[in-house]
Each structure stands twice: as C-alpha cells, then as structure tokens.
PDB file of N, CA and C in Angstrom:
ATOM      1  N   UNK A   1      35.563 -38.969  11.205  1.00  0.00           N
ATOM      2  CA  UNK A   1      34.554 -38.289  10.405  1.00  0.00           C
ATOM      3  C   UNK A   1      34.993 -36.848  10.170  1.00  0.00           C
ATOM      4  N   UNK A   2      34.798 -36.386   8.956  1.00  0.00           N
ATOM      5  CA  UNK A   2      35.179 -35.033   8.573  1.00  0.00           C
ATOM      6  C   UNK A   2      33.937 -34.175   8.486  1.00  0.00           C
ATOM      7  N   UNK A   3      33.952 -33.011   9.136  1.00  0.00           N
ATOM      8  CA  UNK A   3      32.851 -32.070   9.017  1.00  0.00           C
ATOM      9  C   UNK A   3      31.615 -32.495   9.789  1.00  0.00           C
ATOM     10  N   UNK A   4      30.570 -31.685   9.697  1.00  0.00           N
ATOM     11  CA  UNK A   4      29.353 -31.956  10.448  1.00  0.00           C
ATOM     12  C   UNK A   4      28.558 -33.107   9.847  1.00  0.00           C
ATOM     13  N   UNK A   5      27.765 -33.736  10.679  1.00  0.00           N
ATOM     14  CA  UNK A   5      26.865 -34.769  10.191  1.00  0.00           C
ATOM     15  C   UNK A   5      25.621 -34.091   9.640  1.00  0.00           C
ATOM     16  N   UNK A   6      25.234 -34.486   8.446  1.00  0.00           N
ATOM     17  CA  UNK A   6      24.014 -33.986   7.828  1.00  0.00           C
ATOM     18  C   UNK A   6      22.872 -34.916   8.216  1.00  0.00           C
ATOM     19  N   UNK A   7      21.669 -34.391   8.274  1.00  0.00           N
ATOM     20  CA  UNK A   7      20.502 -35.206   8.619  1.00  0.00           C
ATOM     21  C   UNK A   7      19.543 -35.220   7.442  1.00  0.00           C
ATOM     22  N   UNK A   8      19.259 -36.418   6.952  1.00  0.00           N
ATOM     23  CA  UNK A   8      18.329 -36.588   5.837  1.00  0.00           C
ATOM     24  C   UNK A   8      16.992 -37.062   6.383  1.00  0.00           C
ATOM     25  N   UNK A   9      16.005 -36.180   6.362  1.00  0.00           N
ATOM     26  CA  UNK A   9      14.653 -36.516   6.782  1.00  0.00           C
ATOM     27  C   UNK A   9      13.931 -37.091   5.568  1.00  0.00           C
ATOM     28  N   UNK A  10      13.346 -38.264   5.727  1.00  0.00           N
ATOM     29  CA  UNK A  10      12.787 -38.973   4.580  1.00  0.00           C
ATOM     30  C   UNK A  10      11.576 -39.805   4.979  1.00  0.00           C
ATOM     31  N   UNK A  11      10.910 -40.330   3.960  1.00  0.00           N
ATOM     32  CA  UNK A  11       9.801 -41.277   4.126  1.00  0.00           C
ATOM     33  C   UNK A  11      10.174 -42.519   3.311  1.00  0.00           C
ATOM     34  N   UNK A  12      10.040 -43.700   3.930  1.00  0.00           N
ATOM     35  CA  UNK A  12      10.462 -44.931   3.267  1.00  0.00           C
ATOM     36  C   UNK A  12       9.778 -45.182   1.928  1.00  0.00           C
ATOM     37  N   UNK A  13       8.486 -44.965   1.829  1.00  0.00           N
ATOM     38  CA  UNK A  13       7.740 -45.313   0.627  1.00  0.00           C
ATOM     39  C   UNK A  13       7.742 -44.218  -0.441  1.00  0.00           C
ATOM     40  N   UNK A  14       8.400 -43.129  -0.185  1.00  0.00           N
ATOM     41  CA  UNK A  14       8.380 -41.989  -1.105  1.00  0.00           C
ATOM     42  C   UNK A  14       9.512 -42.101  -2.126  1.00  0.00           C
ATOM     43  N   UNK A  15       9.195 -42.121  -3.423  1.00  0.00           N
ATOM     44  CA  UNK A  15      10.228 -42.275  -4.449  1.00  0.00           C
ATOM     45  C   UNK A  15      11.331 -41.206  -4.391  1.00  0.00           C
ATOM     46  N   UNK A  16      10.983 -39.971  -4.112  1.00  0.00           N
ATOM     47  CA  UNK A  16      12.014 -38.928  -4.065  1.00  0.00           C
ATOM     48  C   UNK A  16      12.924 -39.094  -2.855  1.00  0.00           C
ATOM     49  N   UNK A  17      12.373 -39.584  -1.755  1.00  0.00           N
ATOM     50  CA  UNK A  17      13.209 -39.880  -0.590  1.00  0.00           C
ATOM     51  C   UNK A  17      14.152 -41.042  -0.904  1.00  0.00           C
ATOM     52  N   UNK A  18      13.643 -42.040  -1.617  1.00  0.00           N
ATOM     53  CA  UNK A  18      14.479 -43.179  -2.005  1.00  0.00           C
ATOM     54  C   UNK A  18      15.630 -42.701  -2.891  1.00  0.00           C
ATOM     55  N   UNK A  19      15.355 -41.763  -3.767  1.00  0.00           N
ATOM     56  CA  UNK A  19      16.396 -41.208  -4.642  1.00  0.00           C
ATOM     57  C   UNK A  19      17.496 -40.529  -3.823  1.00  0.00           C
ATOM     58  N   UNK A  20      17.096 -39.787  -2.811  1.00  0.00           N
ATOM     59  CA  UNK A  20      18.075 -39.115  -1.949  1.00  0.00           C
ATOM     60  C   UNK A  20      18.893 -40.130  -1.155  1.00  0.00           C
ATOM     61  N   UNK A  21      18.245 -41.151  -0.612  1.00  0.00           N
ATOM     62  CA  UNK A  21      18.969 -42.189   0.130  1.00  0.00           C
ATOM     63  C   UNK A  21      19.949 -42.924  -0.785  1.00  0.00           C
ATOM     64  N   UNK A  22      19.509 -43.210  -2.004  1.00  0.00           N
ATOM     65  CA  UNK A  22      20.358 -43.895  -2.975  1.00  0.00           C
ATOM     66  C   UNK A  22      21.600 -43.048  -3.293  1.00  0.00           C
ATOM     67  N   UNK A  23      21.429 -41.751  -3.411  1.00  0.00           N
ATOM     68  CA  UNK A  23      22.560 -40.857  -3.687  1.00  0.00           C
ATOM     69  C   UNK A  23      23.591 -40.947  -2.562  1.00  0.00           C
ATOM     70  N   UNK A  24      23.110 -40.942  -1.331  1.00  0.00           N
ATOM     71  CA  UNK A  24      24.010 -41.053  -0.173  1.00  0.00           C
ATOM     72  C   UNK A  24      24.829 -42.329  -0.259  1.00  0.00           C
ATOM     73  N   UNK A  25      24.171 -43.434  -0.565  1.00  0.00           N
ATOM     74  CA  UNK A  25      24.853 -44.729  -0.644  1.00  0.00           C
ATOM     75  C   UNK A  25      25.784 -44.772  -1.857  1.00  0.00           C
ATOM     76  N   UNK A  26      25.306 -44.331  -3.017  1.00  0.00           N
ATOM     77  CA  UNK A  26      26.110 -44.370  -4.245  1.00  0.00           C
ATOM     78  C   UNK A  26      27.403 -43.583  -4.124  1.00  0.00           C
ATOM     79  N   UNK A  27      27.374 -42.493  -3.359  1.00  0.00           N
ATOM     80  CA  UNK A  27      28.563 -41.651  -3.207  1.00  0.00           C
ATOM     81  C   UNK A  27      29.259 -41.857  -1.860  1.00  0.00           C
ATOM     82  N   UNK A  28      28.919 -42.957  -1.194  1.00  0.00           N
ATOM     83  CA  UNK A  28      29.577 -43.354   0.054  1.00  0.00           C
ATOM     84  C   UNK A  28      29.603 -42.239   1.099  1.00  0.00           C
ATOM     85  N   UNK A  29      28.454 -41.628   1.293  1.00  0.00           N
ATOM     86  CA  UNK A  29      28.332 -40.539   2.265  1.00  0.00           C
ATOM     87  C   UNK A  29      27.702 -40.994   3.580  1.00  0.00           C
ATOM     88  N   UNK A  30      27.620 -42.303   3.783  1.00  0.00           N
ATOM     89  CA  UNK A  30      26.950 -42.815   4.976  1.00  0.00           C
ATOM     90  C   UNK A  30      27.591 -42.326   6.271  1.00  0.00           C
ATOM     91  N   UNK A  31      28.886 -42.041   6.236  1.00  0.00           N
ATOM     92  CA  UNK A  31      29.559 -41.535   7.439  1.00  0.00           C
ATOM     93  C   UNK A  31      29.242 -40.068   7.703  1.00  0.00           C
ATOM     94  N   UNK A  32      28.623 -39.409   6.744  1.00  0.00           N
ATOM     95  CA  UNK A  32      28.302 -37.988   6.870  1.00  0.00           C
ATOM     96  C   UNK A  32      26.820 -37.700   7.005  1.00  0.00           C
ATOM     97  N   UNK A  33      25.980 -38.649   6.604  1.00  0.00           N
ATOM     98  CA  UNK A  33      24.541 -38.396   6.549  1.00  0.00           C
ATOM     99  C   UNK A  33      23.795 -39.373   7.458  1.00  0.00           C
ATOM    100  N   UNK A  34      23.042 -38.823   8.370  1.00  0.00           N
ATOM    101  CA  UNK A  34      22.202 -39.623   9.268  1.00  0.00           C
ATOM    102  C   UNK A  34      20.796 -39.671   8.684  1.00  0.00           C
ATOM    103  N   UNK A  35      20.282 -40.866   8.449  1.00  0.00           N
ATOM    104  CA  UNK A  35      18.922 -41.026   7.932  1.00  0.00           C
ATOM    105  C   UNK A  35      17.927 -40.879   9.079  1.00  0.00           C
ATOM    106  N   UNK A  36      16.908 -40.039   8.873  1.00  0.00           N
ATOM    107  CA  UNK A  36      15.873 -39.799   9.899  1.00  0.00           C
ATOM    108  C   UNK A  36      14.504 -39.996   9.253  1.00  0.00           C
ATOM    109  N   UNK A  37      13.887 -41.117   9.511  1.00  0.00           N
ATOM    110  CA  UNK A  37      12.585 -41.450   8.959  1.00  0.00           C
ATOM    111  C   UNK A  37      11.507 -40.693   9.728  1.00  0.00           C
ATOM    112  N   UNK A  38      10.773 -39.818   9.039  1.00  0.00           N
ATOM    113  CA  UNK A  38       9.776 -38.990   9.717  1.00  0.00           C
ATOM    114  C   UNK A  38       8.536 -39.777  10.149  1.00  0.00           C
ATOM    115  N   UNK A  39       8.504 -41.076   9.868  1.00  0.00           N
ATOM    116  CA  UNK A  39       7.434 -41.916  10.401  1.00  0.00           C
ATOM    117  C   UNK A  39       7.616 -42.113  11.908  1.00  0.00           C
ATOM    118  N   UNK A  40       8.837 -41.887  12.390  1.00  0.00           N
ATOM    119  CA  UNK A  40       9.117 -41.994  13.821  1.00  0.00           C
ATOM    120  C   UNK A  40       8.916 -40.624  14.472  1.00  0.00           C
ATOM    121  N   UNK A  41       8.256 -40.640  15.613  1.00  0.00           N
ATOM    122  CA  UNK A  41       7.863 -39.402  16.296  1.00  0.00           C
ATOM    123  C   UNK A  41       9.046 -38.463  16.550  1.00  0.00           C
ATOM    124  N   UNK A  42      10.169 -38.999  17.015  1.00  0.00           N
ATOM    125  CA  UNK A  42      11.332 -38.162  17.329  1.00  0.00           C
ATOM    126  C   UNK A  42      11.867 -37.458  16.076  1.00  0.00           C
ATOM    127  N   UNK A  43      11.975 -38.205  14.979  1.00  0.00           N
ATOM    128  CA  UNK A  43      12.477 -37.619  13.729  1.00  0.00           C
ATOM    129  C   UNK A  43      11.490 -36.593  13.185  1.00  0.00           C
ATOM    130  N   UNK A  44      10.200 -36.916  13.256  1.00  0.00           N
ATOM    131  CA  UNK A  44       9.191 -35.978  12.754  1.00  0.00           C
ATOM    132  C   UNK A  44       9.204 -34.685  13.566  1.00  0.00           C
ATOM    133  N   UNK A  45       9.341 -34.791  14.880  1.00  0.00           N
ATOM    134  CA  UNK A  45       9.378 -33.598  15.727  1.00  0.00           C
ATOM    135  C   UNK A  45      10.593 -32.735  15.397  1.00  0.00           C
ATOM    136  N   UNK A  46      11.748 -33.358  15.210  1.00  0.00           N
ATOM    137  CA  UNK A  46      12.968 -32.608  14.870  1.00  0.00           C
ATOM    138  C   UNK A  46      12.809 -31.918  13.522  1.00  0.00           C
ATOM    139  N   UNK A  47      12.260 -32.628  12.544  1.00  0.00           N
ATOM    140  CA  UNK A  47      12.038 -32.098  11.197  1.00  0.00           C
ATOM    141  C   UNK A  47      11.098 -30.897  11.241  1.00  0.00           C
ATOM    142  N   UNK A  48       9.997 -31.037  11.964  1.00  0.00           N
ATOM    143  CA  UNK A  48       9.031 -29.929  12.060  1.00  0.00           C
ATOM    144  C   UNK A  48       9.624 -28.737  12.808  1.00  0.00           C
ATOM    145  N   UNK A  49      10.421 -29.007  13.821  1.00  0.00           N
ATOM    146  CA  UNK A  49      11.059 -27.925  14.570  1.00  0.00           C
ATOM    147  C   UNK A  49      11.989 -27.099  13.678  1.00  0.00           C
ATOM    148  N   UNK A  50      12.577 -27.751  12.688  1.00  0.00           N
ATOM    149  CA  UNK A  50      13.459 -27.065  11.742  1.00  0.00           C
ATOM    150  C   UNK A  50      12.691 -26.369  10.618  1.00  0.00           C
ATOM    151  N   UNK A  51      11.357 -26.473  10.646  1.00  0.00           N
ATOM    152  CA  UNK A  51      10.525 -25.841   9.623  1.00  0.00           C
ATOM    153  C   UNK A  51      10.159 -26.785   8.502  1.00  0.00           C
ATOM    154  N   UNK A  52      10.318 -28.088   8.739  1.00  0.00           N
ATOM    155  CA  UNK A  52      10.033 -29.080   7.715  1.00  0.00           C
ATOM    156  C   UNK A  52       8.585 -29.121   7.288  1.00  0.00           C
ATOM    157  N   UNK A  53       8.390 -29.202   5.960  1.00  0.00           N
ATOM    158  CA  UNK A  53       7.043 -29.352   5.412  1.00  0.00           C
ATOM    159  C   UNK A  53       7.021 -30.311   4.237  1.00  0.00           C
ATOM    160  N   UNK A  54       8.194 -30.679   3.705  1.00  0.00           N
ATOM    161  CA  UNK A  54       8.226 -31.649   2.617  1.00  0.00           C
ATOM    162  C   UNK A  54       9.477 -32.514   2.751  1.00  0.00           C
ATOM    163  N   UNK A  55       9.357 -33.724   2.237  1.00  0.00           N
ATOM    164  CA  UNK A  55      10.486 -34.653   2.241  1.00  0.00           C
ATOM    165  C   UNK A  55      10.787 -35.054   0.809  1.00  0.00           C
ATOM    166  N   UNK A  56      12.012 -35.412   0.547  1.00  0.00           N
ATOM    167  CA  UNK A  56      13.125 -35.439   1.475  1.00  0.00           C
ATOM    168  C   UNK A  56      13.542 -34.026   1.883  1.00  0.00           C
ATOM    169  N   UNK A  57      14.218 -33.956   3.024  1.00  0.00           N
ATOM    170  CA  UNK A  57      14.756 -32.688   3.508  1.00  0.00           C
ATOM    171  C   UNK A  57      16.116 -32.975   4.137  1.00  0.00           C
ATOM    172  N   UNK A  58      17.054 -32.071   3.939  1.00  0.00           N
ATOM    173  CA  UNK A  58      18.410 -32.258   4.440  1.00  0.00           C
ATOM    174  C   UNK A  58      18.803 -31.079   5.314  1.00  0.00           C
ATOM    175  N   UNK A  59      19.105 -31.364   6.577  1.00  0.00           N
ATOM    176  CA  UNK A  59      19.582 -30.349   7.516  1.00  0.00           C
ATOM    177  C   UNK A  59      21.102 -30.381   7.493  1.00  0.00           C
ATOM    178  N   UNK A  60      21.726 -29.244   7.208  1.00  0.00           N
ATOM    179  CA  UNK A  60      23.188 -29.191   7.134  1.00  0.00           C
ATOM    180  C   UNK A  60      23.810 -28.449   8.313  1.00  0.00           C
ATOM    181  N   UNK A  61      23.009 -28.224   9.337  1.00  0.00           N
ATOM    182  CA  UNK A  61      23.493 -27.514  10.512  1.00  0.00           C
ATOM    183  C   UNK A  61      23.134 -26.038  10.488  1.00  0.00           C
ATOM    184  N   UNK A  62      22.775 -25.535   9.319  1.00  0.00           N
ATOM    185  CA  UNK A  62      22.378 -24.139   9.175  1.00  0.00           C
ATOM    186  C   UNK A  62      21.054 -23.980   8.446  1.00  0.00           C
ATOM    187  N   UNK A  63      20.848 -24.796   7.413  1.00  0.00           N
ATOM    188  CA  UNK A  63      19.660 -24.678   6.572  1.00  0.00           C
ATOM    189  C   UNK A  63      18.999 -26.033   6.384  1.00  0.00           C
ATOM    190  N   UNK A  64      17.677 -25.993   6.230  1.00  0.00           N
ATOM    191  CA  UNK A  64      16.923 -27.192   5.885  1.00  0.00           C
ATOM    192  C   UNK A  64      16.603 -27.101   4.398  1.00  0.00           C
ATOM    193  N   UNK A  65      17.224 -27.949   3.627  1.00  0.00           N
ATOM    194  CA  UNK A  65      17.012 -28.006   2.177  1.00  0.00           C
ATOM    195  C   UNK A  65      15.866 -28.984   1.950  1.00  0.00           C
ATOM    196  N   UNK A  66      14.774 -28.523   1.329  1.00  0.00           N
ATOM    197  CA  UNK A  66      13.581 -29.344   1.187  1.00  0.00           C
ATOM    198  C   UNK A  66      13.261 -29.622  -0.270  1.00  0.00           C
ATOM    199  N   UNK A  67      12.834 -30.851  -0.508  1.00  0.00           N
ATOM    200  CA  UNK A  67      12.522 -31.302  -1.854  1.00  0.00           C
ATOM    201  C   UNK A  67      13.732 -31.991  -2.476  1.00  0.00           C
ATOM    202  N   UNK A  68      13.464 -32.945  -3.350  1.00  0.00           N
ATOM    203  CA  UNK A  68      14.531 -33.772  -3.924  1.00  0.00           C
ATOM    204  C   UNK A  68      15.601 -32.942  -4.633  1.00  0.00           C
ATOM    205  N   UNK A  69      15.210 -31.973  -5.413  1.00  0.00           N
ATOM    206  CA  UNK A  69      16.178 -31.175  -6.169  1.00  0.00           C
ATOM    207  C   UNK A  69      17.136 -30.434  -5.239  1.00  0.00           C
ATOM    208  N   UNK A  70      16.605 -29.810  -4.210  1.00  0.00           N
ATOM    209  CA  UNK A  70      17.447 -29.065  -3.263  1.00  0.00           C
ATOM    210  C   UNK A  70      18.346 -30.003  -2.468  1.00  0.00           C
ATOM    211  N   UNK A  71      17.805 -31.151  -2.055  1.00  0.00           N
ATOM    212  CA  UNK A  71      18.589 -32.118  -1.284  1.00  0.00           C
ATOM    213  C   UNK A  71      19.727 -32.673  -2.130  1.00  0.00           C
ATOM    214  N   UNK A  72      19.427 -33.078  -3.351  1.00  0.00           N
ATOM    215  CA  UNK A  72      20.467 -33.639  -4.222  1.00  0.00           C
ATOM    216  C   UNK A  72      21.531 -32.603  -4.560  1.00  0.00           C
ATOM    217  N   UNK A  73      21.132 -31.354  -4.750  1.00  0.00           N
ATOM    218  CA  UNK A  73      22.111 -30.299  -5.023  1.00  0.00           C
ATOM    219  C   UNK A  73      23.047 -30.110  -3.834  1.00  0.00           C
ATOM    220  N   UNK A  74      22.509 -30.137  -2.632  1.00  0.00           N
ATOM    221  CA  UNK A  74      23.353 -29.972  -1.433  1.00  0.00           C
ATOM    222  C   UNK A  74      24.276 -31.163  -1.253  1.00  0.00           C
ATOM    223  N   UNK A  75      23.770 -32.378  -1.484  1.00  0.00           N
ATOM    224  CA  UNK A  75      24.613 -33.566  -1.392  1.00  0.00           C
ATOM    225  C   UNK A  75      25.710 -33.554  -2.451  1.00  0.00           C
ATOM    226  N   UNK A  76      25.375 -33.085  -3.642  1.00  0.00           N
ATOM    227  CA  UNK A  76      26.377 -32.989  -4.704  1.00  0.00           C
ATOM    228  C   UNK A  76      27.479 -32.011  -4.308  1.00  0.00           C
ATOM    229  N   UNK A  77      27.120 -30.930  -3.635  1.00  0.00           N
ATOM    230  CA  UNK A  77      28.126 -29.973  -3.158  1.00  0.00           C
ATOM    231  C   UNK A  77      29.082 -30.638  -2.174  1.00  0.00           C
ATOM    232  N   UNK A  78      28.557 -31.516  -1.325  1.00  0.00           N
ATOM    233  CA  UNK A  78      29.406 -32.242  -0.376  1.00  0.00           C
ATOM    234  C   UNK A  78      30.411 -33.109  -1.150  1.00  0.00           C
ATOM    235  N   UNK A  79      29.936 -33.810  -2.154  1.00  0.00           N
ATOM    236  CA  UNK A  79      30.795 -34.663  -2.974  1.00  0.00           C
ATOM    237  C   UNK A  79      31.831 -33.820  -3.714  1.00  0.00           C
ATOM    238  N   UNK A  80      31.392 -32.742  -4.333  1.00  0.00           N
ATOM    239  CA  UNK A  80      32.281 -31.905  -5.149  1.00  0.00           C
ATOM    240  C   UNK A  80      33.324 -31.164  -4.327  1.00  0.00           C
ATOM    241  N   UNK A  81      33.036 -30.900  -3.079  1.00  0.00           N
ATOM    242  CA  UNK A  81      33.974 -30.179  -2.225  1.00  0.00           C
ATOM    243  C   UNK A  81      34.886 -31.120  -1.463  1.00  0.00           C
ATOM    244  N   UNK A  82      34.994 -32.345  -1.928  1.00  0.00           N
ATOM    245  CA  UNK A  82      35.889 -33.272  -1.281  1.00  0.00           C
ATOM    246  C   UNK A  82      35.424 -33.680   0.089  1.00  0.00           C
ATOM    247  N   UNK A  83      34.105 -33.641   0.292  1.00  0.00           N
ATOM    248  CA  UNK A  83      33.473 -34.125   1.517  1.00  0.00           C
ATOM    249  C   UNK A  83      33.665 -33.227   2.712  1.00  0.00           C
ATOM    250  N   UNK A  84      34.095 -32.008   2.507  1.00  0.00           N
ATOM    251  CA  UNK A  84      34.171 -31.116   3.665  1.00  0.00           C
ATOM    252  C   UNK A  84      33.237 -29.929   3.500  1.00  0.00           C
ATOM    253  N   UNK A  85      32.197 -30.126   2.691  1.00  0.00           N
ATOM    254  CA  UNK A  85      31.275 -29.051   2.420  1.00  0.00           C
ATOM    255  C   UNK A  85      30.039 -29.124   3.170  1.00  0.00           C
TER     256      UNK A  85
END
C-alpha cells in the first residue's frame, strides 16, 4: 500500500455517500480508502471526535473533508497525484 489510508465516513442509505463509495470503487482506491459506516457506534464516535457533522466525510490524516463535493475533490486529488496524494 502506498501512502496513508483514508477513512470514508458514510451512511448506507444516503445518495451522496453512495456516490463517494462508487468513486472509490470506480477508481480502484479500495486499497487506500477504509469505509466507515457511521451507523456503527465505533465509526460514529471516531467521526464525531474528528469534528464530523455531515456525511460523506473523508479523513486524510490531517483534515476531515465533509460533504460530497469536498470528499470527491479530495479523492480526485488522490487519483490525479498518482495515488500518493
């Protein structure tokens, strides 16, 4: 695995979360992105500890990117930087 693992906080039934999960799969980022369903207590606690208030949200080790637009932009940066971003 190259670079840090990103954490995608999501909700299964939420269309914008589904869009973010689909992006991960479409661009073969499964080795870089850990899916964390906030319906589970452990994932929800981690998300809230990072300042989470909306999903989808992507933790990159430094920042929590919240909302579909911000998450997709960060994932696109990973793709565009040859997966080391």
